[in-house]
Amino acid sequence: MAGALPSYRPITQANAEGKKLNMALCGLGTYSEILSRGLENSQYCRIAGVVTGTPAKAEDWKRRFELPQKNIYNYHNFDEIVHNKDIDLVYVVLPNSMHKEFVIRTAMAGKHVIVEKPMANSVRDCQEMIDACKKAGVQLAVGYRLHFEPTHLELKRLGQEKVFGQVRVIEASLGYKSGDPTAWRLNKIMAGGGPLMDIGLYCIQSNRYVLGQEPLSVTAQFGPVTNKKLFSQVEESITWQFEFPSGTICNSTSSYNCNIDRFFASADEGTFELSPALGYGPYKGRTSKGELNFPVINQQGAQCDAIAKTILQDQQLPGHITGEEGIQDMRIVEAIYEAARTGHRISIGR
């Protein structure tokens, strides 16, 4: 992770070559709507197709984005996309349990693929996805939107360049109140777990990229279940503590029963913090020397532009957004769950 994130500069000039990567969105839920807004002014990619199991959504998106019928797929005929030269990349925006299947099917169709985080529900599934993409000769990216956001790039700089000396303690937590019993994220089979598998990944990521290190070990605790009907399958909240090679301690909580969105780092010679910090923003923060003020950008648009530009230039995607990053996150997630279940300190490998 050290030194992995690029320096992001918002794209202000038109794509000189005029080339754009043709993207199909697979799964048309809430996040695909957010992605579509980010792609409205994209310089390097466009929505060229959709994949959905809902005919009404297919017709709606076809009309709104002026998509040809041949670029509209469902989950049964999806494999026919192999014959469609007008689709270059598929962005998999489905429930977690479906990620592996559609990433592998996309790879077998010879298309590049972006998959939303978490990459999959297990390390084993992640490895199968990586292997399938390598075998097919296509590139695999994971949707780490904050890797292209200027405020978070500044956090990475402050931590890794030791602007305030060695960071000793980090607190990073994210949570919101969940009340919909039909939400797929509360279904263990579909989600793989509770808030840790969802918003907890942002806490894990912030620790890793601010320090530029991988955690050595973790202890963890499940929070109390205050709504047994709603949280009969997945955790309601979970808290964990990382130890890093530098001796830094990182404390985090991810929760579906309270609203929290905060990052705080204490170093030898100062502090830096954000709140809001890890959600969609806009971010507000300060350091020991003053306020943090960076332009508000469309995070999804910046992420997709950076990925598309790299592929259009026939270059390899940087490791910090590939399957190798996604599988490391899942190694850490599995260790956190084991620590919470057993009450033991669990070592984390790579």
Protein backbone atom coordinates (compact mmCIF):
# COMPACT_ATOMS: atom_id res chain seq x y z
CA MET A 1 0.00 0.00 0.00
CA ALA A 2 2.90 2.41 0.69
CA GLY A 3 3.12 5.13 -1.92
CA ALA A 4 0.38 3.43 -3.93
CA LEU A 5 -2.17 6.18 -4.41
CA PRO A 6 -1.60 8.49 -7.40
CA SER A 7 -1.70 12.27 -7.30
CA TYR A 8 -5.15 13.15 -8.61
CA ARG A 9 -5.66 16.27 -10.70
CA PRO A 10 -9.27 16.99 -11.70
CA ILE A 11 -9.74 16.66 -15.44
CA THR A 12 -10.54 20.15 -16.70
CA GLN A 13 -9.77 19.79 -20.40
CA ALA A 14 -11.54 17.64 -22.94
CA ASN A 15 -10.06 14.31 -23.90
CA ALA A 16 -7.75 15.36 -26.73
CA GLU A 17 -8.14 12.11 -28.69
CA GLY A 18 -11.88 12.04 -28.19
CA LYS A 19 -11.78 8.32 -27.37
CA LYS A 20 -14.06 6.96 -24.69
CA LEU A 21 -14.34 3.55 -23.08
CA ASN A 22 -17.79 2.03 -23.54
CA MET A 23 -19.10 0.84 -20.17
CA ALA A 24 -22.04 -1.41 -19.33
CA LEU A 25 -23.48 -1.18 -15.82
CA CYS A 26 -24.42 -4.59 -14.42
CA GLY A 27 -27.13 -4.10 -11.81
CA LEU A 28 -29.27 -0.96 -11.80
CA GLY A 29 -29.78 -0.21 -8.12
CA THR A 30 -29.13 2.95 -6.14
CA TYR A 31 -25.39 3.03 -6.67
CA SER A 32 -25.70 2.70 -10.44
CA GLU A 33 -27.83 5.84 -10.36
CA ILE A 34 -25.02 7.58 -8.48
CA LEU A 35 -22.49 6.27 -11.00
CA SER A 36 -24.60 7.50 -13.90
CA ARG A 37 -24.50 11.04 -12.54
CA GLY A 38 -20.75 10.80 -12.20
CA LEU A 39 -20.43 9.68 -15.79
CA GLU A 40 -22.50 12.55 -17.21
CA ASN A 41 -19.40 14.71 -17.67
CA SER A 42 -16.82 11.95 -18.00
CA GLN A 43 -13.99 12.61 -20.43
CA TYR A 44 -12.91 9.01 -20.87
CA CYS A 45 -15.93 6.73 -20.57
CA ARG A 46 -19.64 6.58 -21.34
CA ILE A 47 -22.60 4.41 -20.42
CA ALA A 48 -23.04 2.23 -23.49
CA GLY A 49 -25.11 -0.63 -22.09
CA VAL A 50 -26.89 -2.08 -19.07
CA VAL A 51 -27.52 -5.46 -17.48
CA THR A 52 -30.62 -5.89 -15.33
CA GLY A 53 -33.18 -8.47 -14.32
CA THR A 54 -35.96 -5.89 -14.32
CA PRO A 55 -37.51 -5.14 -17.75
CA ALA A 56 -38.94 -1.81 -16.59
CA LYS A 57 -35.48 -0.62 -15.55
CA ALA A 58 -34.07 -1.77 -18.88
CA GLU A 59 -36.62 0.34 -20.76
CA ASP A 60 -36.05 3.34 -18.51
CA TRP A 61 -32.28 3.32 -18.88
CA LYS A 62 -32.54 2.60 -22.61
CA ARG A 63 -34.66 5.74 -23.02
CA ARG A 64 -32.67 7.99 -20.69
CA PHE A 65 -29.26 7.15 -22.14
CA GLU A 66 -30.36 6.49 -25.72
CA LEU A 67 -29.00 2.95 -25.65
CA PRO A 68 -29.47 0.58 -28.59
CA GLN A 69 -31.46 -2.55 -27.88
CA LYS A 70 -28.46 -4.74 -28.69
CA ASN A 71 -26.66 -3.24 -25.65
CA ILE A 72 -29.43 -4.22 -23.21
CA TYR A 73 -28.86 -7.52 -21.39
CA ASN A 74 -30.42 -9.52 -18.58
CA TYR A 75 -28.73 -11.95 -16.24
CA HIS A 76 -29.60 -14.94 -18.45
CA ASN A 77 -28.37 -13.69 -21.83
CA PHE A 78 -25.44 -11.73 -20.38
CA ASP A 79 -22.84 -14.07 -21.89
CA GLU A 80 -23.86 -12.90 -25.38
CA ILE A 81 -21.97 -9.70 -24.61
CA VAL A 82 -18.88 -11.51 -25.89
CA HIS A 83 -20.10 -10.72 -29.42
CA ASN A 84 -20.70 -7.02 -28.74
CA LYS A 85 -17.77 -4.92 -29.93
CA ASP A 86 -19.47 -1.77 -28.62
CA ILE A 87 -18.91 -2.76 -24.97
CA ASP A 88 -15.34 -2.53 -23.63
CA LEU A 89 -15.88 -2.83 -19.88
CA VAL A 90 -18.53 -4.03 -17.44
CA TYR A 91 -19.00 -2.37 -14.04
CA VAL A 92 -20.49 -4.98 -11.67
CA VAL A 93 -22.79 -3.20 -9.22
CA LEU A 94 -24.66 -6.17 -7.74
CA PRO A 95 -25.13 -7.63 -4.24
CA ASN A 96 -21.84 -8.98 -2.91
CA SER A 97 -22.72 -12.64 -3.40
CA MET A 98 -23.11 -12.08 -7.16
CA HIS A 99 -19.76 -10.37 -7.69
CA LYS A 100 -17.73 -13.51 -8.36
CA GLU A 101 -20.14 -14.95 -10.90
CA PHE A 102 -20.44 -11.82 -12.99
CA VAL A 103 -16.77 -10.86 -12.81
CA ILE A 104 -15.84 -14.31 -14.09
CA ARG A 105 -18.53 -14.22 -16.79
CA THR A 106 -17.32 -10.77 -17.82
CA ALA A 107 -13.74 -11.99 -18.05
CA MET A 108 -14.79 -15.01 -20.11
CA ALA A 109 -16.52 -12.58 -22.49
CA GLY A 110 -13.21 -10.78 -22.96
CA LYS A 111 -14.28 -7.52 -21.33
CA HIS A 112 -12.43 -5.48 -18.73
CA VAL A 113 -14.25 -5.27 -15.42
CA ILE A 114 -14.74 -2.99 -12.42
CA VAL A 115 -16.40 -4.56 -9.38
CA GLU A 116 -17.82 -2.69 -6.45
CA LYS A 117 -16.32 -3.26 -3.03
CA PRO A 118 -16.19 -5.60 -1.26
CA MET A 119 -14.64 -7.51 -4.12
CA ALA A 120 -16.35 -10.73 -2.97
CA ASN A 121 -17.53 -12.54 0.14
CA SER A 122 -14.33 -14.52 0.74
CA VAL A 123 -10.62 -14.58 -0.03
CA ARG A 124 -11.15 -17.75 -2.02
CA ASP A 125 -13.73 -16.08 -4.26
CA CYS A 126 -11.43 -13.09 -4.76
CA GLN A 127 -8.61 -15.36 -5.91
CA GLU A 128 -10.87 -17.12 -8.41
CA MET A 129 -11.85 -13.74 -9.84
CA ILE A 130 -8.23 -12.63 -10.13
CA ASP A 131 -7.25 -15.89 -11.80
CA ALA A 132 -10.14 -15.70 -14.29
CA CYS A 133 -9.22 -12.16 -15.35
CA LYS A 134 -5.55 -13.05 -15.73
CA LYS A 135 -6.42 -16.11 -17.81
CA ALA A 136 -8.68 -14.03 -20.07
CA GLY A 137 -6.15 -11.21 -20.40
CA VAL A 138 -8.52 -8.54 -19.11
CA GLN A 139 -8.01 -5.95 -16.39
CA LEU A 140 -9.82 -6.09 -13.05
CA ALA A 141 -10.42 -3.01 -10.92
CA VAL A 142 -12.23 -2.56 -7.59
CA GLY A 143 -14.36 0.54 -6.97
CA TYR A 144 -12.17 2.40 -4.48
CA ARG A 145 -13.57 5.88 -5.11
CA LEU A 146 -11.62 7.57 -2.29
CA HIS A 147 -8.31 6.71 -3.93
CA PHE A 148 -8.99 9.56 -6.37
CA GLU A 149 -10.45 12.09 -3.96
CA PRO A 150 -8.11 15.04 -3.16
CA THR A 151 -8.85 15.30 0.58
CA HIS A 152 -8.01 11.63 1.08
CA LEU A 153 -4.90 11.94 -1.04
CA GLU A 154 -3.86 14.67 1.38
CA LEU A 155 -4.45 12.35 4.36
CA LYS A 156 -2.22 9.80 2.66
CA ARG A 157 0.47 12.44 2.13
CA LEU A 158 0.31 13.69 5.71
CA GLY A 159 0.65 10.17 7.09
CA GLN A 160 3.11 8.55 4.72
CA GLU A 161 5.40 11.57 4.44
CA LYS A 162 5.27 12.00 8.23
CA VAL A 163 4.40 15.68 7.93
CA PHE A 164 3.60 15.69 11.67
CA GLY A 165 6.02 12.90 12.52
CA GLN A 166 5.12 9.26 13.01
CA VAL A 167 1.38 8.64 13.32
CA ARG A 168 0.76 6.84 16.63
CA VAL A 169 -3.02 6.48 16.83
CA ILE A 170 -5.80 6.48 14.25
CA GLU A 171 -9.51 6.40 14.95
CA ALA A 172 -11.72 5.84 11.90
CA SER A 173 -15.40 4.91 12.12
CA LEU A 174 -18.39 4.85 9.81
CA GLY A 175 -21.98 3.97 10.54
CA TYR A 176 -25.60 4.72 9.75
CA LYS A 177 -28.98 3.62 11.04
CA SER A 178 -30.50 0.76 9.05
CA GLY A 179 -34.20 0.07 9.42
CA ASP A 180 -35.32 -1.76 6.27
CA PRO A 181 -35.79 -5.47 7.05
CA THR A 182 -35.89 -6.30 3.31
CA ALA A 183 -32.48 -4.76 2.57
CA TRP A 184 -30.14 -7.28 0.95
CA ARG A 185 -27.30 -6.02 3.13
CA LEU A 186 -29.00 -7.64 6.13
CA ASN A 187 -29.07 -11.02 4.37
CA LYS A 188 -25.97 -13.05 5.31
CA ILE A 189 -25.92 -15.07 2.08
CA MET A 190 -26.15 -12.01 -0.15
CA ALA A 191 -23.98 -9.61 1.85
CA GLY A 192 -21.47 -11.98 3.46
CA GLY A 193 -21.70 -10.02 6.70
CA GLY A 194 -22.98 -6.78 8.16
CA PRO A 195 -21.52 -3.27 8.30
CA LEU A 196 -17.93 -4.56 8.29
CA MET A 197 -18.43 -5.95 4.77
CA ASP A 198 -20.00 -2.70 3.64
CA ILE A 199 -18.88 0.55 5.23
CA GLY A 200 -16.18 -1.01 7.42
CA LEU A 201 -13.96 -1.34 4.38
CA TYR A 202 -13.58 2.44 4.24
CA CYS A 203 -12.15 2.40 7.77
CA ILE A 204 -9.75 -0.41 6.89
CA GLN A 205 -8.65 1.38 3.75
CA SER A 206 -8.05 4.70 5.52
CA ASN A 207 -5.77 3.04 8.08
CA ARG A 208 -3.75 1.30 5.39
CA TYR A 209 -3.25 4.19 2.99
CA VAL A 210 -2.52 6.82 5.65
CA LEU A 211 0.20 4.64 7.15
CA GLY A 212 1.37 2.96 3.93
CA GLN A 213 1.58 -0.27 5.90
CA GLU A 214 -0.31 -3.52 6.38
CA PRO A 215 -1.69 -4.44 9.81
CA LEU A 216 0.17 -7.16 11.69
CA SER A 217 -2.68 -8.28 13.94
CA VAL A 218 -6.20 -7.47 15.06
CA THR A 219 -8.48 -7.86 18.06
CA ALA A 220 -12.22 -7.29 17.66
CA GLN A 221 -15.58 -7.31 19.42
CA PHE A 222 -19.14 -7.61 18.15
CA GLY A 223 -21.41 -4.92 19.54
CA PRO A 224 -24.66 -5.73 21.37
CA VAL A 225 -27.70 -6.64 19.28
CA THR A 226 -30.40 -4.11 20.11
CA ASN A 227 -32.79 -5.25 17.36
CA LYS A 228 -32.77 -9.04 17.16
CA LYS A 229 -35.38 -9.16 14.41
CA LEU A 230 -33.49 -6.81 12.11
CA PHE A 231 -30.05 -8.27 12.85
CA SER A 232 -30.80 -11.97 12.99
CA GLN A 233 -28.22 -12.82 10.29
CA VAL A 234 -25.50 -10.16 10.33
CA GLU A 235 -23.78 -8.11 13.01
CA GLU A 236 -25.36 -4.86 14.09
CA SER A 237 -21.97 -3.32 14.83
CA ILE A 238 -18.37 -4.39 15.24
CA THR A 239 -15.29 -2.71 16.71
CA TRP A 240 -11.68 -3.67 16.03
CA GLN A 241 -8.11 -2.68 16.85
CA PHE A 242 -5.17 -3.01 14.47
CA GLU A 243 -1.48 -3.05 15.33
CA PHE A 244 0.87 -1.92 12.53
CA PRO A 245 4.64 -2.50 12.07
CA SER A 246 5.32 1.11 13.14
CA GLY A 247 3.62 0.40 16.48
CA THR A 248 0.62 2.49 15.45
CA ILE A 249 -2.71 1.47 16.95
CA CYS A 250 -5.87 1.95 14.89
CA ASN A 251 -9.34 1.74 16.44
CA SER A 252 -12.47 1.51 14.28
CA THR A 253 -16.19 0.81 14.49
CA SER A 254 -18.60 0.06 11.68
CA SER A 255 -22.26 0.12 12.57
CA TYR A 256 -25.80 -0.14 11.23
CA ASN A 257 -27.30 1.28 14.45
CA CYS A 258 -25.83 4.79 14.68
CA ASN A 259 -24.68 7.66 12.51
CA ILE A 260 -20.93 8.24 12.66
CA ASP A 261 -18.46 9.38 10.01
CA ARG A 262 -15.08 10.36 11.44
CA PHE A 263 -11.32 10.05 10.93
CA PHE A 264 -8.71 11.26 13.44
CA ALA A 265 -4.93 10.74 13.46
CA SER A 266 -2.51 11.73 16.20
CA ALA A 267 1.19 11.94 15.32
CA ASP A 268 4.30 12.89 17.29
CA GLU A 269 4.05 16.56 16.34
CA GLY A 270 0.42 17.17 15.50
CA THR A 271 -2.97 15.84 14.43
CA PHE A 272 -5.21 15.74 11.37
CA GLU A 273 -8.88 14.84 11.10
CA LEU A 274 -12.03 14.78 8.98
CA SER A 275 -15.75 14.76 9.82
CA PRO A 276 -17.57 13.91 7.60
CA ALA A 277 -14.71 11.66 6.61
CA LEU A 278 -15.45 8.39 4.81
CA GLY A 279 -18.93 8.65 3.32
CA TYR A 280 -19.79 10.65 0.22
CA GLY A 281 -18.84 14.00 1.80
CA PRO A 282 -18.42 16.87 1.32
CA TYR A 283 -15.48 16.48 3.66
CA LYS A 284 -14.59 18.89 6.42
CA GLY A 285 -11.27 18.70 8.21
CA ARG A 286 -8.32 20.35 9.81
CA THR A 287 -4.78 19.75 10.92
CA SER A 288 -2.72 21.20 13.74
CA LYS A 289 -1.74 23.94 11.31
CA GLY A 290 -5.17 24.87 9.99
CA GLU A 291 -8.16 23.91 7.91
CA LEU A 292 -8.17 21.34 5.11
CA ASN A 293 -9.78 22.87 2.03
CA PHE A 294 -9.91 20.89 -1.20
CA PRO A 295 -12.31 21.11 -4.15
CA VAL A 296 -15.43 18.98 -4.02
CA ILE A 297 -15.33 16.56 -6.95
CA ASN A 298 -17.59 13.84 -8.24
CA GLN A 299 -15.83 10.82 -6.76
CA GLN A 300 -17.41 8.25 -9.06
CA GLY A 301 -16.61 10.29 -12.16
CA ALA A 302 -12.99 10.77 -11.10
CA GLN A 303 -12.59 7.07 -10.40
CA CYS A 304 -14.10 5.94 -13.70
CA ASP A 305 -12.14 8.53 -15.69
CA ALA A 306 -8.84 7.43 -14.17
CA ILE A 307 -9.53 3.75 -14.84
CA ALA A 308 -10.81 4.35 -18.37
CA LYS A 309 -7.90 6.62 -19.30
CA THR A 310 -5.40 3.98 -18.16
CA ILE A 311 -7.07 1.25 -20.19
CA LEU A 312 -7.42 3.49 -23.26
CA GLN A 313 -3.69 4.16 -23.06
CA ASP A 314 -3.11 0.39 -23.03
CA GLN A 315 -1.44 0.59 -19.62
CA GLN A 316 -1.76 -1.65 -16.58
CA LEU A 317 -3.96 -0.40 -13.78
CA PRO A 318 -2.04 0.59 -10.61
CA GLY A 319 -2.04 -2.07 -7.90
CA HIS A 320 -3.93 0.03 -5.37
CA ILE A 321 -7.23 -0.42 -7.26
CA THR A 322 -6.83 -3.95 -8.66
CA GLY A 323 -7.94 -7.34 -7.41
CA GLU A 324 -4.76 -7.60 -5.35
CA GLU A 325 -6.00 -4.71 -3.22
CA GLY A 326 -9.46 -6.23 -2.99
CA ILE A 327 -8.20 -9.61 -1.84
CA GLN A 328 -6.03 -8.00 0.84
CA ASP A 329 -9.06 -6.19 2.20
CA MET A 330 -10.86 -9.53 2.41
CA ARG A 331 -7.92 -11.17 4.23
CA ILE A 332 -8.23 -8.40 6.80
CA VAL A 333 -12.03 -8.67 7.01
CA GLU A 334 -11.82 -12.41 7.61
CA ALA A 335 -9.24 -11.84 10.36
CA ILE A 336 -11.50 -9.24 12.05
CA TYR A 337 -14.45 -11.63 12.05
CA GLU A 338 -12.29 -14.45 13.43
CA ALA A 339 -10.98 -12.17 16.18
CA ALA A 340 -14.53 -11.14 17.14
CA ARG A 341 -15.79 -14.74 17.15
CA THR A 342 -12.90 -16.18 19.15
CA GLY A 343 -11.87 -13.30 21.38
CA HIS A 344 -8.24 -13.90 20.31
CA ARG A 345 -5.65 -11.66 18.73
CA ILE A 346 -5.40 -12.78 15.12
CA SER A 347 -2.30 -12.37 12.94
CA ILE A 348 -2.86 -10.96 9.48
CA GLY A 349 -0.85 -12.18 6.52
CA ARG A 350 -0.62 -11.22 2.88
